[in-house]
Amino acid sequence: MWSKVAKFRNTPMPMRKLMLEACVYLAWARFLKMLPFAKVSPTLGTYMEETSYNDLSRDQKWQGVQVSRALHRVSGHVFWETECMVMGMAAMKMLARRKVPSTLYLGMRRNPAGKVAAHAWVRSGAFYVTGAEEIEQYTVVGKFAKN
């Protein structure tokens, strides 16, 4: 545990602040995940719309990368579930605070046993902020754009 504290203390202050913000938004998103999706979905963005793949400024691209790093650093160290939907909702909120456009995708697939599997991921410009693993295996069934 002390090595984690020391590692956090050695992290530059801007990333520390971003990691603390990520922790707050991961908790917020985990709470939202417990609510009916019909209540939460209007807050996610414009349904079935996408943001542009290439209209981001250099600063907006950098913000997306930093938000992704902070979320991935924090998600493994909190005591609540931070799977793809929680990460996606937290990323959308953090990016929106910085006025960085993003799109949350919801996908479905059948695994080899025939069971349905779901996944969520966030894209900002051409960069996948969260959930980029295995997205080619999923069929997009919903998307939410936030400008």
N, C-alpha and C. Protein backbone atom coordinates (compact mmCIF):
# COMPACT_ATOMS: atom_id res chain seq x y z
N MET A 1 0.81 -1.18 0.00
CA MET A 1 0.00 0.00 0.00
C MET A 1 0.86 1.26 0.00
N TRP A 2 1.95 1.24 0.78
CA TRP A 2 2.79 2.43 0.87
C TRP A 2 3.43 2.73 -0.47
N SER A 3 3.71 1.69 -1.26
CA SER A 3 4.30 1.94 -2.58
C SER A 3 3.31 2.66 -3.48
N LYS A 4 2.01 2.38 -3.33
CA LYS A 4 0.99 3.08 -4.11
C LYS A 4 0.91 4.54 -3.70
N VAL A 5 1.01 4.79 -2.42
CA VAL A 5 0.98 6.17 -1.91
C VAL A 5 2.21 6.92 -2.43
N ALA A 6 3.36 6.28 -2.36
CA ALA A 6 4.59 6.92 -2.84
C ALA A 6 4.51 7.18 -4.34
N LYS A 7 3.95 6.24 -5.09
CA LYS A 7 3.81 6.42 -6.53
C LYS A 7 2.88 7.60 -6.83
N PHE A 8 1.78 7.70 -6.08
CA PHE A 8 0.86 8.81 -6.26
C PHE A 8 1.54 10.14 -5.94
N ARG A 9 2.30 10.17 -4.85
CA ARG A 9 3.00 11.40 -4.45
C ARG A 9 4.04 11.83 -5.47
N ASN A 10 4.61 10.85 -6.19
CA ASN A 10 5.62 11.17 -7.20
C ASN A 10 5.01 11.52 -8.56
N THR A 11 3.70 11.41 -8.67
CA THR A 11 3.01 11.78 -9.90
C THR A 11 2.92 13.31 -9.97
N PRO A 12 3.13 13.88 -11.15
CA PRO A 12 3.03 15.35 -11.26
C PRO A 12 1.65 15.85 -10.82
N MET A 13 1.62 17.05 -10.23
CA MET A 13 0.40 17.60 -9.66
C MET A 13 -0.77 17.67 -10.65
N PRO A 14 -0.58 18.08 -11.91
CA PRO A 14 -1.74 18.11 -12.82
C PRO A 14 -2.38 16.73 -13.00
N MET A 15 -1.56 15.67 -13.07
CA MET A 15 -2.11 14.33 -13.22
C MET A 15 -2.76 13.87 -11.92
N ARG A 16 -2.20 14.25 -10.78
CA ARG A 16 -2.83 13.91 -9.49
C ARG A 16 -4.23 14.49 -9.41
N LYS A 17 -4.38 15.76 -9.80
CA LYS A 17 -5.70 16.39 -9.79
C LYS A 17 -6.65 15.68 -10.74
N LEU A 18 -6.15 15.31 -11.89
CA LEU A 18 -6.98 14.61 -12.87
C LEU A 18 -7.37 13.22 -12.36
N MET A 19 -6.48 12.56 -11.66
CA MET A 19 -6.78 11.24 -11.09
C MET A 19 -7.84 11.35 -9.99
N LEU A 20 -7.77 12.39 -9.18
CA LEU A 20 -8.79 12.60 -8.15
C LEU A 20 -10.14 12.90 -8.80
N GLU A 21 -10.14 13.70 -9.84
CA GLU A 21 -11.38 13.97 -10.58
C GLU A 21 -11.92 12.68 -11.19
N ALA A 22 -11.04 11.86 -11.74
CA ALA A 22 -11.46 10.58 -12.32
C ALA A 22 -12.11 9.70 -11.26
N CYS A 23 -11.57 9.69 -10.07
CA CYS A 23 -12.13 8.91 -8.97
C CYS A 23 -13.56 9.36 -8.67
N VAL A 24 -13.77 10.67 -8.61
CA VAL A 24 -15.10 11.22 -8.34
C VAL A 24 -16.08 10.83 -9.45
N TYR A 25 -15.66 10.98 -10.71
CA TYR A 25 -16.58 10.68 -11.81
C TYR A 25 -16.80 9.18 -11.99
N LEU A 26 -15.84 8.36 -11.62
CA LEU A 26 -16.08 6.91 -11.65
C LEU A 26 -17.14 6.53 -10.61
N ALA A 27 -17.08 7.16 -9.43
CA ALA A 27 -18.10 6.90 -8.41
C ALA A 27 -19.46 7.40 -8.88
N TRP A 28 -19.50 8.58 -9.46
CA TRP A 28 -20.74 9.14 -9.99
C TRP A 28 -21.33 8.23 -11.06
N ALA A 29 -20.49 7.76 -11.98
CA ALA A 29 -20.96 6.89 -13.06
C ALA A 29 -21.44 5.54 -12.52
N ARG A 30 -20.77 5.04 -11.49
CA ARG A 30 -21.20 3.76 -10.90
C ARG A 30 -22.59 3.92 -10.28
N PHE A 31 -22.84 5.06 -9.65
CA PHE A 31 -24.17 5.33 -9.11
C PHE A 31 -25.20 5.39 -10.24
N LEU A 32 -24.88 6.10 -11.32
CA LEU A 32 -25.81 6.21 -12.45
C LEU A 32 -26.12 4.85 -13.07
N LYS A 33 -25.15 3.95 -13.06
CA LYS A 33 -25.35 2.62 -13.64
C LYS A 33 -26.42 1.84 -12.88
N MET A 34 -26.65 2.18 -11.63
CA MET A 34 -27.66 1.49 -10.84
C MET A 34 -29.07 1.96 -11.19
N LEU A 35 -29.19 3.11 -11.84
CA LEU A 35 -30.50 3.66 -12.20
C LEU A 35 -30.99 3.06 -13.51
N PRO A 36 -32.30 3.13 -13.78
CA PRO A 36 -32.80 2.64 -15.07
C PRO A 36 -32.15 3.42 -16.22
N PHE A 37 -31.76 2.69 -17.27
CA PHE A 37 -31.05 3.32 -18.38
C PHE A 37 -31.89 4.41 -19.05
N ALA A 38 -33.20 4.24 -19.06
CA ALA A 38 -34.07 5.25 -19.66
C ALA A 38 -33.96 6.60 -18.94
N LYS A 39 -33.64 6.59 -17.66
CA LYS A 39 -33.46 7.84 -16.91
C LYS A 39 -32.09 8.46 -17.17
N VAL A 40 -31.10 7.61 -17.40
CA VAL A 40 -29.72 8.07 -17.55
C VAL A 40 -29.42 8.49 -18.99
N SER A 41 -29.98 7.80 -19.97
CA SER A 41 -29.60 8.02 -21.36
C SER A 41 -29.75 9.46 -21.86
N PRO A 42 -30.77 10.23 -21.43
CA PRO A 42 -30.85 11.61 -21.91
C PRO A 42 -29.65 12.48 -21.49
N THR A 43 -28.95 12.09 -20.43
CA THR A 43 -27.81 12.88 -19.97
C THR A 43 -26.52 12.52 -20.71
N LEU A 44 -26.54 11.46 -21.50
CA LEU A 44 -25.32 10.98 -22.15
C LEU A 44 -24.96 11.75 -23.41
N GLY A 45 -25.93 12.40 -24.02
CA GLY A 45 -25.66 13.14 -25.26
C GLY A 45 -26.78 12.93 -26.25
N THR A 46 -26.54 13.33 -27.48
CA THR A 46 -27.54 13.21 -28.55
C THR A 46 -27.54 11.79 -29.07
N TYR A 47 -28.69 11.14 -28.95
CA TYR A 47 -28.82 9.72 -29.30
C TYR A 47 -28.64 9.49 -30.80
N MET A 48 -27.88 8.47 -31.15
CA MET A 48 -27.59 8.01 -32.51
C MET A 48 -26.89 9.07 -33.36
N GLU A 49 -26.13 9.92 -32.71
CA GLU A 49 -25.29 10.90 -33.42
C GLU A 49 -23.83 10.62 -33.03
N GLU A 50 -22.92 11.06 -33.88
CA GLU A 50 -21.49 10.90 -33.63
C GLU A 50 -20.79 12.25 -33.75
N THR A 51 -19.70 12.39 -33.04
CA THR A 51 -18.86 13.56 -33.20
C THR A 51 -17.87 13.29 -34.33
N SER A 52 -17.22 14.33 -34.80
CA SER A 52 -16.28 14.22 -35.92
C SER A 52 -15.03 13.43 -35.52
N TYR A 53 -14.44 12.80 -36.51
CA TYR A 53 -13.20 12.06 -36.28
C TYR A 53 -11.97 12.95 -36.35
N ASN A 54 -12.10 14.16 -36.90
CA ASN A 54 -10.88 14.94 -37.12
C ASN A 54 -11.03 16.44 -36.91
N ASP A 55 -11.96 16.88 -36.12
CA ASP A 55 -12.13 18.33 -35.89
C ASP A 55 -11.65 18.78 -34.52
N LEU A 56 -10.67 18.11 -33.96
CA LEU A 56 -10.18 18.50 -32.64
C LEU A 56 -8.91 19.33 -32.75
N SER A 57 -8.78 20.28 -31.84
CA SER A 57 -7.54 21.04 -31.75
C SER A 57 -6.48 20.16 -31.09
N ARG A 58 -5.26 20.61 -31.17
CA ARG A 58 -4.16 19.88 -30.53
C ARG A 58 -4.38 19.76 -29.02
N ASP A 59 -4.87 20.85 -28.41
CA ASP A 59 -5.14 20.85 -26.97
C ASP A 59 -6.26 19.86 -26.62
N GLN A 60 -7.30 19.80 -27.43
CA GLN A 60 -8.40 18.86 -27.17
C GLN A 60 -7.91 17.42 -27.28
N LYS A 61 -7.04 17.13 -28.24
CA LYS A 61 -6.48 15.78 -28.37
C LYS A 61 -5.68 15.42 -27.12
N TRP A 62 -4.87 16.37 -26.66
CA TRP A 62 -4.05 16.17 -25.46
C TRP A 62 -4.95 15.92 -24.24
N GLN A 63 -6.03 16.69 -24.11
CA GLN A 63 -6.97 16.52 -23.00
C GLN A 63 -7.56 15.10 -23.03
N GLY A 64 -7.93 14.63 -24.20
CA GLY A 64 -8.48 13.27 -24.32
C GLY A 64 -7.50 12.21 -23.86
N VAL A 65 -6.25 12.35 -24.25
CA VAL A 65 -5.21 11.40 -23.83
C VAL A 65 -5.03 11.44 -22.31
N GLN A 66 -4.99 12.63 -21.74
CA GLN A 66 -4.80 12.77 -20.30
C GLN A 66 -5.98 12.20 -19.51
N VAL A 67 -7.19 12.45 -19.98
CA VAL A 67 -8.38 11.88 -19.32
C VAL A 67 -8.31 10.36 -19.37
N SER A 68 -7.94 9.81 -20.51
CA SER A 68 -7.81 8.36 -20.64
C SER A 68 -6.78 7.80 -19.66
N ARG A 69 -5.63 8.43 -19.58
CA ARG A 69 -4.58 7.98 -18.66
C ARG A 69 -5.06 8.01 -17.21
N ALA A 70 -5.71 9.10 -16.83
CA ALA A 70 -6.18 9.23 -15.44
C ALA A 70 -7.22 8.15 -15.12
N LEU A 71 -8.17 7.94 -16.01
CA LEU A 71 -9.20 6.92 -15.77
C LEU A 71 -8.60 5.53 -15.65
N HIS A 72 -7.67 5.20 -16.53
CA HIS A 72 -7.07 3.87 -16.49
C HIS A 72 -6.17 3.69 -15.26
N ARG A 73 -5.51 4.73 -14.82
CA ARG A 73 -4.68 4.63 -13.61
C ARG A 73 -5.53 4.42 -12.37
N VAL A 74 -6.67 5.08 -12.29
CA VAL A 74 -7.50 5.05 -11.09
C VAL A 74 -8.41 3.82 -11.04
N SER A 75 -8.91 3.39 -12.18
CA SER A 75 -9.98 2.37 -12.19
C SER A 75 -9.62 1.07 -11.48
N GLY A 76 -8.38 0.69 -11.51
CA GLY A 76 -7.98 -0.55 -10.84
C GLY A 76 -7.76 -0.43 -9.35
N HIS A 77 -7.90 0.78 -8.81
CA HIS A 77 -7.59 0.99 -7.40
C HIS A 77 -8.78 1.43 -6.55
N VAL A 78 -9.96 1.47 -7.13
CA VAL A 78 -11.15 1.82 -6.36
C VAL A 78 -11.87 0.54 -5.98
N PHE A 79 -12.73 0.62 -4.97
CA PHE A 79 -13.36 -0.60 -4.46
C PHE A 79 -14.68 -0.93 -5.14
N TRP A 80 -15.13 -0.12 -6.10
CA TRP A 80 -16.36 -0.42 -6.82
C TRP A 80 -16.02 -0.83 -8.25
N GLU A 81 -17.01 -1.41 -8.90
CA GLU A 81 -16.86 -1.90 -10.27
C GLU A 81 -16.66 -0.72 -11.22
N THR A 82 -15.68 -0.84 -12.10
CA THR A 82 -15.41 0.21 -13.08
C THR A 82 -15.29 -0.39 -14.48
N GLU A 83 -16.24 -1.24 -14.83
CA GLU A 83 -16.21 -1.84 -16.16
C GLU A 83 -16.48 -0.79 -17.23
N CYS A 84 -16.66 -1.24 -18.44
CA CYS A 84 -16.67 -0.35 -19.60
C CYS A 84 -17.73 0.75 -19.56
N MET A 85 -18.94 0.47 -19.11
CA MET A 85 -19.98 1.49 -19.09
C MET A 85 -19.67 2.58 -18.07
N VAL A 86 -19.17 2.18 -16.92
CA VAL A 86 -18.80 3.15 -15.88
C VAL A 86 -17.65 4.02 -16.38
N MET A 87 -16.64 3.39 -16.98
CA MET A 87 -15.51 4.14 -17.54
C MET A 87 -15.99 5.10 -18.63
N GLY A 88 -16.88 4.62 -19.47
CA GLY A 88 -17.38 5.44 -20.57
C GLY A 88 -18.14 6.67 -20.09
N MET A 89 -19.03 6.47 -19.12
CA MET A 89 -19.79 7.62 -18.61
C MET A 89 -18.88 8.62 -17.90
N ALA A 90 -17.91 8.13 -17.16
CA ALA A 90 -16.96 9.02 -16.48
C ALA A 90 -16.14 9.80 -17.51
N ALA A 91 -15.68 9.12 -18.56
CA ALA A 91 -14.90 9.78 -19.61
C ALA A 91 -15.71 10.86 -20.30
N MET A 92 -16.97 10.55 -20.62
CA MET A 92 -17.83 11.54 -21.28
C MET A 92 -17.97 12.80 -20.42
N LYS A 93 -18.17 12.63 -19.13
CA LYS A 93 -18.35 13.76 -18.23
C LYS A 93 -17.05 14.58 -18.12
N MET A 94 -15.93 13.89 -17.99
CA MET A 94 -14.66 14.60 -17.86
C MET A 94 -14.32 15.36 -19.14
N LEU A 95 -14.59 14.77 -20.28
CA LEU A 95 -14.33 15.44 -21.56
C LEU A 95 -15.28 16.62 -21.76
N ALA A 96 -16.54 16.45 -21.39
CA ALA A 96 -17.51 17.53 -21.53
C ALA A 96 -17.10 18.74 -20.69
N ARG A 97 -16.56 18.50 -19.50
CA ARG A 97 -16.09 19.61 -18.64
C ARG A 97 -15.00 20.41 -19.32
N ARG A 98 -14.26 19.76 -20.20
CA ARG A 98 -13.15 20.41 -20.90
C ARG A 98 -13.55 20.88 -22.30
N LYS A 99 -14.85 20.74 -22.60
CA LYS A 99 -15.38 21.13 -23.92
C LYS A 99 -14.71 20.36 -25.05
N VAL A 100 -14.45 19.07 -24.79
CA VAL A 100 -13.87 18.18 -25.80
C VAL A 100 -14.99 17.27 -26.30
N PRO A 101 -15.32 17.32 -27.59
CA PRO A 101 -16.39 16.47 -28.12
C PRO A 101 -16.03 14.99 -28.02
N SER A 102 -17.05 14.17 -27.77
CA SER A 102 -16.82 12.73 -27.65
C SER A 102 -18.09 11.97 -27.99
N THR A 103 -17.93 10.70 -28.29
CA THR A 103 -19.06 9.82 -28.60
C THR A 103 -18.93 8.56 -27.76
N LEU A 104 -20.03 8.20 -27.09
CA LEU A 104 -20.12 6.95 -26.35
C LEU A 104 -20.83 5.94 -27.23
N TYR A 105 -20.20 4.79 -27.45
CA TYR A 105 -20.78 3.72 -28.26
C TYR A 105 -21.20 2.57 -27.36
N LEU A 106 -22.33 1.97 -27.67
CA LEU A 106 -22.80 0.77 -27.00
C LEU A 106 -22.85 -0.35 -28.03
N GLY A 107 -22.22 -1.47 -27.73
CA GLY A 107 -22.16 -2.57 -28.68
C GLY A 107 -22.60 -3.88 -28.07
N MET A 108 -23.01 -4.80 -28.96
CA MET A 108 -23.45 -6.14 -28.53
C MET A 108 -22.79 -7.17 -29.45
N ARG A 109 -22.63 -8.39 -28.91
CA ARG A 109 -22.17 -9.53 -29.71
C ARG A 109 -22.59 -10.81 -29.02
N ARG A 110 -22.51 -11.90 -29.73
CA ARG A 110 -22.72 -13.22 -29.14
C ARG A 110 -21.36 -13.88 -28.99
N ASN A 111 -21.13 -14.46 -27.82
CA ASN A 111 -19.87 -15.16 -27.62
C ASN A 111 -19.99 -16.57 -28.21
N PRO A 112 -18.91 -17.34 -28.26
CA PRO A 112 -18.98 -18.68 -28.86
C PRO A 112 -20.02 -19.60 -28.22
N ALA A 113 -20.37 -19.37 -26.98
CA ALA A 113 -21.39 -20.19 -26.30
C ALA A 113 -22.80 -19.71 -26.62
N GLY A 114 -22.92 -18.62 -27.39
CA GLY A 114 -24.23 -18.10 -27.76
C GLY A 114 -24.80 -17.08 -26.81
N LYS A 115 -24.07 -16.76 -25.75
CA LYS A 115 -24.55 -15.75 -24.80
C LYS A 115 -24.27 -14.35 -25.35
N VAL A 116 -25.16 -13.43 -25.02
CA VAL A 116 -25.02 -12.05 -25.45
C VAL A 116 -24.02 -11.34 -24.53
N ALA A 117 -23.13 -10.58 -25.15
CA ALA A 117 -22.16 -9.77 -24.40
C ALA A 117 -22.31 -8.32 -24.85
N ALA A 118 -22.15 -7.41 -23.91
CA ALA A 118 -22.26 -5.98 -24.21
C ALA A 118 -20.94 -5.29 -23.89
N HIS A 119 -20.72 -4.16 -24.55
CA HIS A 119 -19.50 -3.40 -24.33
C HIS A 119 -19.79 -1.93 -24.61
N ALA A 120 -19.05 -1.04 -23.97
CA ALA A 120 -19.17 0.40 -24.20
C ALA A 120 -17.78 0.97 -24.37
N TRP A 121 -17.66 1.97 -25.27
CA TRP A 121 -16.38 2.62 -25.46
C TRP A 121 -16.61 4.07 -25.86
N VAL A 122 -15.59 4.89 -25.64
CA VAL A 122 -15.68 6.32 -25.92
C VAL A 122 -14.58 6.70 -26.90
N ARG A 123 -14.98 7.50 -27.90
CA ARG A 123 -14.06 8.03 -28.89
C ARG A 123 -14.11 9.55 -28.85
N SER A 124 -12.95 10.17 -28.93
CA SER A 124 -12.86 11.62 -29.04
C SER A 124 -11.92 11.90 -30.21
N GLY A 125 -12.46 12.48 -31.27
CA GLY A 125 -11.67 12.60 -32.49
C GLY A 125 -11.39 11.20 -33.01
N ALA A 126 -10.15 10.92 -33.34
CA ALA A 126 -9.78 9.58 -33.81
C ALA A 126 -9.23 8.71 -32.67
N PHE A 127 -9.20 9.25 -31.44
CA PHE A 127 -8.61 8.56 -30.29
C PHE A 127 -9.69 7.88 -29.46
N TYR A 128 -9.48 6.61 -29.14
CA TYR A 128 -10.39 5.87 -28.28
C TYR A 128 -9.95 6.07 -26.83
N VAL A 129 -10.76 6.77 -26.08
CA VAL A 129 -10.43 7.16 -24.71
C VAL A 129 -10.56 5.97 -23.78
N THR A 130 -11.63 5.20 -23.92
CA THR A 130 -11.85 4.01 -23.09
C THR A 130 -12.42 2.89 -23.95
N GLY A 131 -12.19 1.66 -23.51
CA GLY A 131 -12.86 0.49 -24.09
C GLY A 131 -12.45 0.09 -25.48
N ALA A 132 -11.29 0.48 -25.96
CA ALA A 132 -10.89 0.20 -27.34
C ALA A 132 -10.61 -1.27 -27.62
N GLU A 133 -10.42 -2.05 -26.57
CA GLU A 133 -10.10 -3.46 -26.75
C GLU A 133 -11.29 -4.19 -27.38
N GLU A 134 -11.04 -4.91 -28.43
CA GLU A 134 -12.02 -5.82 -29.06
C GLU A 134 -13.25 -5.14 -29.63
N ILE A 135 -13.21 -3.84 -29.92
CA ILE A 135 -14.43 -3.18 -30.41
C ILE A 135 -14.86 -3.71 -31.76
N GLU A 136 -13.93 -4.24 -32.54
CA GLU A 136 -14.29 -4.77 -33.86
C GLU A 136 -15.19 -6.00 -33.76
N GLN A 137 -15.25 -6.62 -32.59
CA GLN A 137 -16.11 -7.80 -32.39
C GLN A 137 -17.54 -7.43 -32.06
N TYR A 138 -17.81 -6.15 -31.82
CA TYR A 138 -19.14 -5.72 -31.38
C TYR A 138 -19.87 -4.96 -32.48
N THR A 139 -21.17 -5.13 -32.52
CA THR A 139 -22.03 -4.38 -33.42
C THR A 139 -22.60 -3.21 -32.62
N VAL A 140 -22.43 -2.00 -33.15
CA VAL A 140 -22.93 -0.82 -32.47
C VAL A 140 -24.45 -0.83 -32.50
N VAL A 141 -25.05 -0.74 -31.30
CA VAL A 141 -26.52 -0.71 -31.18
C VAL A 141 -27.01 0.63 -30.68
N GLY A 142 -26.09 1.46 -30.23
CA GLY A 142 -26.46 2.79 -29.76
C GLY A 142 -25.22 3.66 -29.67
N LYS A 143 -25.44 4.96 -29.83
CA LYS A 143 -24.32 5.90 -29.68
C LYS A 143 -24.90 7.24 -29.22
N PHE A 144 -24.07 7.95 -28.47
CA PHE A 144 -24.45 9.23 -27.89
C PHE A 144 -23.33 10.22 -28.12
N ALA A 145 -23.61 11.32 -28.79
CA ALA A 145 -22.61 12.35 -29.07
C ALA A 145 -22.77 13.52 -28.12
N LYS A 146 -21.64 14.00 -27.63
CA LYS A 146 -21.61 15.16 -26.74
C LYS A 146 -20.62 16.16 -27.32
N ASN A 147 -21.12 17.31 -27.75
CA ASN A 147 -20.25 18.35 -28.31
C ASN A 147 -19.90 19.39 -27.27
